[in-house]
Amino acid sequence: MSERWVLNASPIIVLARVGHEHLFEALAVQVVVPQAVVEDIEAGPVGDPARRAIAK
């Protein structure tokens, strides 16, 4: 695959909650998360799995 994915918050949040955030890197050559999306997720609850996924 030679795809670049630009993600918004929803797929990151949903897949992180079910423990499958690794799929982004498995399915796309490059994954881009805009700074606004990072800030939106970081504004969420401290224990949110999406925050841990973004930190990786």
N, C-alpha and C. Protein backbone atom coordinates (compact mmCIF):
# COMPACT_ATOMS: atom_id res chain seq x y z
N MET A 1 0.83 -1.18 0.00
CA MET A 1 0.00 0.00 0.00
C MET A 1 0.88 1.25 0.00
N SER A 2 0.47 2.25 -0.70
CA SER A 2 1.21 3.51 -0.70
C SER A 2 0.27 4.65 -0.31
N GLU A 3 -0.40 4.47 0.78
CA GLU A 3 -1.39 5.46 1.19
C GLU A 3 -0.91 6.25 2.40
N ARG A 4 -1.34 7.51 2.44
CA ARG A 4 -1.15 8.34 3.61
C ARG A 4 -2.53 8.63 4.17
N TRP A 5 -2.71 8.36 5.43
CA TRP A 5 -3.99 8.61 6.09
C TRP A 5 -3.85 9.84 6.98
N VAL A 6 -4.84 10.74 6.89
CA VAL A 6 -4.93 11.88 7.79
C VAL A 6 -6.13 11.60 8.69
N LEU A 7 -5.87 11.47 9.98
CA LEU A 7 -6.91 11.03 10.91
C LEU A 7 -7.54 12.18 11.66
N ASN A 8 -8.84 12.04 11.91
CA ASN A 8 -9.50 12.94 12.85
C ASN A 8 -9.66 12.20 14.17
N ALA A 9 -10.26 12.82 15.13
CA ALA A 9 -10.30 12.27 16.48
C ALA A 9 -11.15 11.00 16.59
N SER A 10 -12.25 10.93 15.89
CA SER A 10 -13.19 9.82 16.07
C SER A 10 -12.58 8.44 15.87
N PRO A 11 -11.90 8.15 14.77
CA PRO A 11 -11.35 6.80 14.63
C PRO A 11 -10.26 6.50 15.65
N ILE A 12 -9.51 7.50 16.05
CA ILE A 12 -8.48 7.28 17.06
C ILE A 12 -9.12 6.90 18.39
N ILE A 13 -10.15 7.64 18.77
CA ILE A 13 -10.84 7.40 20.04
C ILE A 13 -11.49 6.02 20.04
N VAL A 14 -12.21 5.71 18.98
CA VAL A 14 -12.94 4.44 18.93
C VAL A 14 -11.99 3.24 18.92
N LEU A 15 -10.98 3.27 18.05
CA LEU A 15 -10.08 2.13 17.97
C LEU A 15 -9.21 2.00 19.22
N ALA A 16 -8.85 3.11 19.84
CA ALA A 16 -8.07 3.04 21.07
C ALA A 16 -8.90 2.43 22.20
N ARG A 17 -10.18 2.74 22.24
CA ARG A 17 -11.03 2.19 23.31
C ARG A 17 -11.20 0.68 23.20
N VAL A 18 -11.11 0.14 22.01
CA VAL A 18 -11.24 -1.31 21.85
C VAL A 18 -9.87 -1.99 21.67
N GLY A 19 -8.80 -1.22 21.85
CA GLY A 19 -7.46 -1.78 21.82
C GLY A 19 -6.91 -2.11 20.45
N HIS A 20 -7.39 -1.42 19.42
CA HIS A 20 -6.94 -1.73 18.06
C HIS A 20 -6.32 -0.53 17.34
N GLU A 21 -5.73 0.38 18.10
CA GLU A 21 -5.12 1.56 17.47
C GLU A 21 -3.92 1.19 16.60
N HIS A 22 -3.38 -0.01 16.78
CA HIS A 22 -2.26 -0.47 15.96
C HIS A 22 -2.65 -0.64 14.48
N LEU A 23 -3.94 -0.71 14.20
CA LEU A 23 -4.39 -0.92 12.82
C LEU A 23 -4.02 0.23 11.90
N PHE A 24 -3.93 1.43 12.44
CA PHE A 24 -3.58 2.57 11.58
C PHE A 24 -2.23 2.34 10.91
N GLU A 25 -1.25 1.98 11.70
CA GLU A 25 0.09 1.76 11.15
C GLU A 25 0.19 0.48 10.34
N ALA A 26 -0.67 -0.49 10.63
CA ALA A 26 -0.66 -1.75 9.88
C ALA A 26 -1.28 -1.57 8.49
N LEU A 27 -2.20 -0.63 8.36
CA LEU A 27 -2.94 -0.49 7.11
C LEU A 27 -2.48 0.66 6.22
N ALA A 28 -1.77 1.62 6.79
CA ALA A 28 -1.34 2.78 6.01
C ALA A 28 0.17 2.91 6.07
N VAL A 29 0.75 3.39 5.01
CA VAL A 29 2.19 3.60 4.96
C VAL A 29 2.57 4.77 5.86
N GLN A 30 1.77 5.81 5.83
CA GLN A 30 2.03 6.99 6.66
C GLN A 30 0.74 7.42 7.32
N VAL A 31 0.82 7.78 8.60
CA VAL A 31 -0.34 8.25 9.35
C VAL A 31 -0.04 9.65 9.83
N VAL A 32 -0.96 10.58 9.54
CA VAL A 32 -0.79 11.97 9.94
C VAL A 32 -1.94 12.33 10.88
N VAL A 33 -1.59 12.90 12.03
CA VAL A 33 -2.59 13.37 12.98
C VAL A 33 -2.37 14.88 13.13
N PRO A 34 -3.28 15.69 12.61
CA PRO A 34 -3.11 17.14 12.71
C PRO A 34 -3.04 17.60 14.17
N GLN A 35 -2.33 18.68 14.40
CA GLN A 35 -2.15 19.20 15.75
C GLN A 35 -3.49 19.49 16.43
N ALA A 36 -4.47 19.98 15.70
CA ALA A 36 -5.78 20.26 16.29
C ALA A 36 -6.44 19.00 16.82
N VAL A 37 -6.24 17.87 16.15
CA VAL A 37 -6.78 16.59 16.60
C VAL A 37 -6.05 16.15 17.87
N VAL A 38 -4.75 16.29 17.90
CA VAL A 38 -3.97 15.95 19.09
C VAL A 38 -4.47 16.77 20.28
N GLU A 39 -4.65 18.05 20.09
CA GLU A 39 -5.12 18.93 21.18
C GLU A 39 -6.52 18.54 21.64
N ASP A 40 -7.38 18.17 20.71
CA ASP A 40 -8.74 17.75 21.05
C ASP A 40 -8.71 16.48 21.92
N ILE A 41 -7.91 15.52 21.54
CA ILE A 41 -7.82 14.27 22.29
C ILE A 41 -7.16 14.51 23.65
N GLU A 42 -6.12 15.33 23.69
CA GLU A 42 -5.43 15.61 24.95
C GLU A 42 -6.31 16.39 25.93
N ALA A 43 -7.36 17.02 25.43
CA ALA A 43 -8.30 17.74 26.30
C ALA A 43 -9.28 16.79 26.98
N GLY A 44 -9.28 15.53 26.58
CA GLY A 44 -10.18 14.53 27.14
C GLY A 44 -9.71 14.04 28.50
N PRO A 45 -10.42 13.06 29.04
CA PRO A 45 -10.08 12.51 30.36
C PRO A 45 -8.66 11.95 30.40
N VAL A 46 -8.03 12.08 31.57
CA VAL A 46 -6.64 11.65 31.74
C VAL A 46 -6.45 10.17 31.43
N GLY A 47 -7.35 9.31 31.82
CA GLY A 47 -7.19 7.88 31.61
C GLY A 47 -7.69 7.37 30.28
N ASP A 48 -8.04 8.27 29.36
CA ASP A 48 -8.60 7.87 28.08
C ASP A 48 -7.56 7.13 27.23
N PRO A 49 -7.90 5.95 26.70
CA PRO A 49 -6.96 5.21 25.87
C PRO A 49 -6.48 5.99 24.65
N ALA A 50 -7.31 6.89 24.13
CA ALA A 50 -6.90 7.69 22.97
C ALA A 50 -5.73 8.61 23.33
N ARG A 51 -5.71 9.11 24.55
CA ARG A 51 -4.58 9.94 24.97
C ARG A 51 -3.30 9.12 25.01
N ARG A 52 -3.38 7.89 25.47
CA ARG A 52 -2.20 7.03 25.49
C ARG A 52 -1.75 6.70 24.05
N ALA A 53 -2.72 6.49 23.16
CA ALA A 53 -2.38 6.19 21.76
C ALA A 53 -1.68 7.38 21.10
N ILE A 54 -2.13 8.57 21.38
CA ILE A 54 -1.52 9.77 20.81
C ILE A 54 -0.10 9.96 21.36
N ALA A 55 0.09 9.62 22.62
CA ALA A 55 1.40 9.77 23.24
C ALA A 55 2.45 8.87 22.59
N LYS A 56 2.02 7.77 22.00
CA LYS A 56 2.95 6.85 21.33
C LYS A 56 3.42 7.54 20.10
